[in-house]
């Protein structure tokens, strides 16, 4: 379990994430892959916004594809706020890793 507390702008955030063993292993692998070499300067730690951004990307990547309303609902649950969820949705829309297609009723967001 991972607990994230702080604020996003003026909005308080108290978020608890439950990760299974596979999620922890994947997170550990990501941290090892991005670990700077001993000769390089240490990078700044992830901010809360960076952590939530990574979680949002992982959510879509694992799902493969989600409709806009379904994705927004998930992002609102992640952030605890409609406004913050919408900001993440816009950020995903403009990410090079995300493709947005026109669906019958709503846009479809897909990873890759």
C-alpha atoms as a PDB file:
ATOM      1  CA  UNK A   1       0.000   0.000   0.000  1.00  0.00           C
ATOM      2  CA  UNK A   2       1.257   3.484  -0.861  1.00  0.00           C
ATOM      3  CA  UNK A   3      -0.120   6.666   0.670  1.00  0.00           C
ATOM      4  CA  UNK A   4       0.310  10.038  -0.993  1.00  0.00           C
ATOM      5  CA  UNK A   5      -0.571  13.157   0.981  1.00  0.00           C
ATOM      6  CA  UNK A   6      -0.139  16.772   0.083  1.00  0.00           C
ATOM      7  CA  UNK A   7      -1.763  19.328  -2.163  1.00  0.00           C
ATOM      8  CA  UNK A   8      -2.264  19.958  -5.835  1.00  0.00           C
ATOM      9  CA  UNK A   9      -2.563  23.702  -6.044  1.00  0.00           C
ATOM     10  CA  UNK A  10      -5.104  24.604  -3.359  1.00  0.00           C
ATOM     11  CA  UNK A  11      -6.628  21.107  -3.321  1.00  0.00           C
ATOM     12  CA  UNK A  12      -5.703  18.771  -0.479  1.00  0.00           C
ATOM     13  CA  UNK A  13      -4.821  15.233  -1.538  1.00  0.00           C
ATOM     14  CA  UNK A  14      -4.880  12.108   0.630  1.00  0.00           C
ATOM     15  CA  UNK A  15      -4.528   9.129  -1.685  1.00  0.00           C
ATOM     16  CA  UNK A  16      -4.046   5.469  -0.837  1.00  0.00           C
ATOM     17  CA  UNK A  17      -2.969   3.090  -3.598  1.00  0.00           C
ATOM     18  CA  UNK A  18      -3.051  -0.656  -3.277  1.00  0.00           C
ATOM     19  CA  UNK A  19      -0.361  -2.352  -5.341  1.00  0.00           C
ATOM     20  CA  UNK A  20      -0.018  -6.099  -5.816  1.00  0.00           C
ATOM     21  CA  UNK A  21       3.363  -7.858  -6.005  1.00  0.00           C
ATOM     22  CA  UNK A  22       3.508  -7.437  -9.790  1.00  0.00           C
ATOM     23  CA  UNK A  23       2.897  -3.690  -9.514  1.00  0.00           C
ATOM     24  CA  UNK A  24       5.664  -3.334  -6.900  1.00  0.00           C
ATOM     25  CA  UNK A  25       8.051  -5.372  -9.069  1.00  0.00           C
ATOM     26  CA  UNK A  26       7.280  -3.194 -12.087  1.00  0.00           C
ATOM     27  CA  UNK A  27       7.721  -0.017 -10.058  1.00  0.00           C
ATOM     28  CA  UNK A  28      11.055  -1.314  -8.722  1.00  0.00           C
ATOM     29  CA  UNK A  29      12.184  -2.176 -12.250  1.00  0.00           C
ATOM     30  CA  UNK A  30      11.266   1.327 -13.440  1.00  0.00           C
ATOM     31  CA  UNK A  31      13.232   2.876 -10.583  1.00  0.00           C
ATOM     32  CA  UNK A  32      16.272   0.701 -11.355  1.00  0.00           C
ATOM     33  CA  UNK A  33      16.064   1.554 -15.074  1.00  0.00           C
ATOM     34  CA  UNK A  34      16.017   5.284 -14.359  1.00  0.00           C
ATOM     35  CA  UNK A  35      18.582   5.207 -11.532  1.00  0.00           C
ATOM     36  CA  UNK A  36      21.381   7.686 -12.327  1.00  0.00           C
ATOM     37  CA  UNK A  37      24.959   6.442 -12.562  1.00  0.00           C
ATOM     38  CA  UNK A  38      27.132   7.115  -9.514  1.00  0.00           C
ATOM     39  CA  UNK A  39      29.124   9.705 -11.465  1.00  0.00           C
ATOM     40  CA  UNK A  40      26.006  11.669 -12.424  1.00  0.00           C
ATOM     41  CA  UNK A  41      24.401  14.251 -10.182  1.00  0.00           C
ATOM     42  CA  UNK A  42      21.443  12.907  -8.238  1.00  0.00           C
ATOM     43  CA  UNK A  43      18.130  13.839  -9.851  1.00  0.00           C
ATOM     44  CA  UNK A  44      15.495  15.642  -7.838  1.00  0.00           C
ATOM     45  CA  UNK A  45      12.983  13.293  -6.219  1.00  0.00           C
ATOM     46  CA  UNK A  46       9.615  12.838  -7.893  1.00  0.00           C
ATOM     47  CA  UNK A  47       7.094  15.438  -6.912  1.00  0.00           C
ATOM     48  CA  UNK A  48       3.548  14.454  -6.042  1.00  0.00           C
ATOM     49  CA  UNK A  49       2.407  15.722  -9.466  1.00  0.00           C
ATOM     50  CA  UNK A  50       5.046  13.532 -11.156  1.00  0.00           C
ATOM     51  CA  UNK A  51       3.930  10.498  -9.161  1.00  0.00           C
ATOM     52  CA  UNK A  52       0.265  11.019 -10.047  1.00  0.00           C
ATOM     53  CA  UNK A  53       1.211  11.567 -13.706  1.00  0.00           C
ATOM     54  CA  UNK A  54       3.099   8.249 -13.725  1.00  0.00           C
ATOM     55  CA  UNK A  55       0.151   6.472 -12.108  1.00  0.00           C
ATOM     56  CA  UNK A  56      -2.255   7.970 -14.670  1.00  0.00           C
ATOM     57  CA  UNK A  57      -0.050   6.819 -17.559  1.00  0.00           C
ATOM     58  CA  UNK A  58       0.302   3.346 -16.043  1.00  0.00           C
ATOM     59  CA  UNK A  59      -3.482   3.135 -15.600  1.00  0.00           C
ATOM     60  CA  UNK A  60      -4.084   3.775 -19.310  1.00  0.00           C
ATOM     61  CA  UNK A  61      -1.166   1.576 -20.378  1.00  0.00           C
ATOM     62  CA  UNK A  62      -2.511  -1.378 -18.372  1.00  0.00           C
ATOM     63  CA  UNK A  63      -6.042  -0.869 -19.697  1.00  0.00           C
ATOM     64  CA  UNK A  64      -4.801  -0.493 -23.280  1.00  0.00           C
ATOM     65  CA  UNK A  65      -7.811   1.585 -24.268  1.00  0.00           C
ATOM     66  CA  UNK A  66     -10.488   3.551 -22.411  1.00  0.00           C
ATOM     67  CA  UNK A  67     -13.306   5.869 -23.396  1.00  0.00           C
ATOM     68  CA  UNK A  68     -12.931   9.518 -22.426  1.00  0.00           C
ATOM     69  CA  UNK A  69     -15.704   9.445 -19.776  1.00  0.00           C
ATOM     70  CA  UNK A  70     -14.392   6.192 -18.264  1.00  0.00           C
ATOM     71  CA  UNK A  71     -10.832   7.546 -18.163  1.00  0.00           C
ATOM     72  CA  UNK A  72     -11.976  10.852 -16.646  1.00  0.00           C
ATOM     73  CA  UNK A  73     -13.884   8.935 -13.968  1.00  0.00           C
ATOM     74  CA  UNK A  74     -10.725   6.964 -13.114  1.00  0.00           C
ATOM     75  CA  UNK A  75      -8.591  10.122 -13.061  1.00  0.00           C
ATOM     76  CA  UNK A  76     -11.083  11.907 -10.808  1.00  0.00           C
ATOM     77  CA  UNK A  77     -10.869   8.958  -8.424  1.00  0.00           C
ATOM     78  CA  UNK A  78      -7.082   9.108  -8.549  1.00  0.00           C
ATOM     79  CA  UNK A  79      -6.865  12.828  -7.849  1.00  0.00           C
ATOM     80  CA  UNK A  80     -10.005  13.308  -5.743  1.00  0.00           C
ATOM     81  CA  UNK A  81     -11.048  16.265  -7.879  1.00  0.00           C
ATOM     82  CA  UNK A  82     -12.893  16.806 -11.155  1.00  0.00           C
ATOM     83  CA  UNK A  83     -10.643  19.737 -12.110  1.00  0.00           C
ATOM     84  CA  UNK A  84      -7.431  17.801 -11.434  1.00  0.00           C
ATOM     85  CA  UNK A  85      -8.831  14.790 -13.306  1.00  0.00           C
ATOM     86  CA  UNK A  86      -9.587  16.990 -16.315  1.00  0.00           C
ATOM     87  CA  UNK A  87      -6.055  18.436 -16.235  1.00  0.00           C
ATOM     88  CA  UNK A  88      -4.614  14.912 -16.331  1.00  0.00           C
ATOM     89  CA  UNK A  89      -6.977  13.974 -19.170  1.00  0.00           C
ATOM     90  CA  UNK A  90      -5.748  16.961 -21.214  1.00  0.00           C
ATOM     91  CA  UNK A  91      -2.148  16.063 -20.404  1.00  0.00           C
ATOM     92  CA  UNK A  92      -2.766  12.490 -21.592  1.00  0.00           C
ATOM     93  CA  UNK A  93      -4.435  13.788 -24.767  1.00  0.00           C
ATOM     94  CA  UNK A  94      -1.277  15.729 -25.621  1.00  0.00           C
ATOM     95  CA  UNK A  95       1.165  12.996 -24.629  1.00  0.00           C
ATOM     96  CA  UNK A  96       3.161  11.399 -27.455  1.00  0.00           C
ATOM     97  CA  UNK A  97       2.531   8.001 -25.821  1.00  0.00           C
ATOM     98  CA  UNK A  98      -1.257   8.292 -26.102  1.00  0.00           C
ATOM     99  CA  UNK A  99      -3.435   8.072 -29.201  1.00  0.00           C
ATOM    100  CA  UNK A 100      -6.911   9.601 -29.212  1.00  0.00           C
ATOM    101  CA  UNK A 101      -9.474   8.263 -31.671  1.00  0.00           C
ATOM    102  CA  UNK A 102     -13.025   9.404 -32.327  1.00  0.00           C
ATOM    103  CA  UNK A 103     -15.472   6.897 -30.907  1.00  0.00           C
ATOM    104  CA  UNK A 104     -19.185   6.645 -31.624  1.00  0.00           C
ATOM    105  CA  UNK A 105     -20.169   8.514 -28.453  1.00  0.00           C
ATOM    106  CA  UNK A 106     -16.883   9.677 -26.937  1.00  0.00           C
ATOM    107  CA  UNK A 107     -13.164   9.830 -27.729  1.00  0.00           C
ATOM    108  CA  UNK A 108     -11.168   6.648 -27.161  1.00  0.00           C
ATOM    109  CA  UNK A 109      -7.786   6.943 -25.489  1.00  0.00           C
ATOM    110  CA  UNK A 110      -5.281   4.186 -26.237  1.00  0.00           C
ATOM    111  CA  UNK A 111      -1.715   3.589 -25.158  1.00  0.00           C
ATOM    112  CA  UNK A 112       0.964   3.660 -27.817  1.00  0.00           C
END
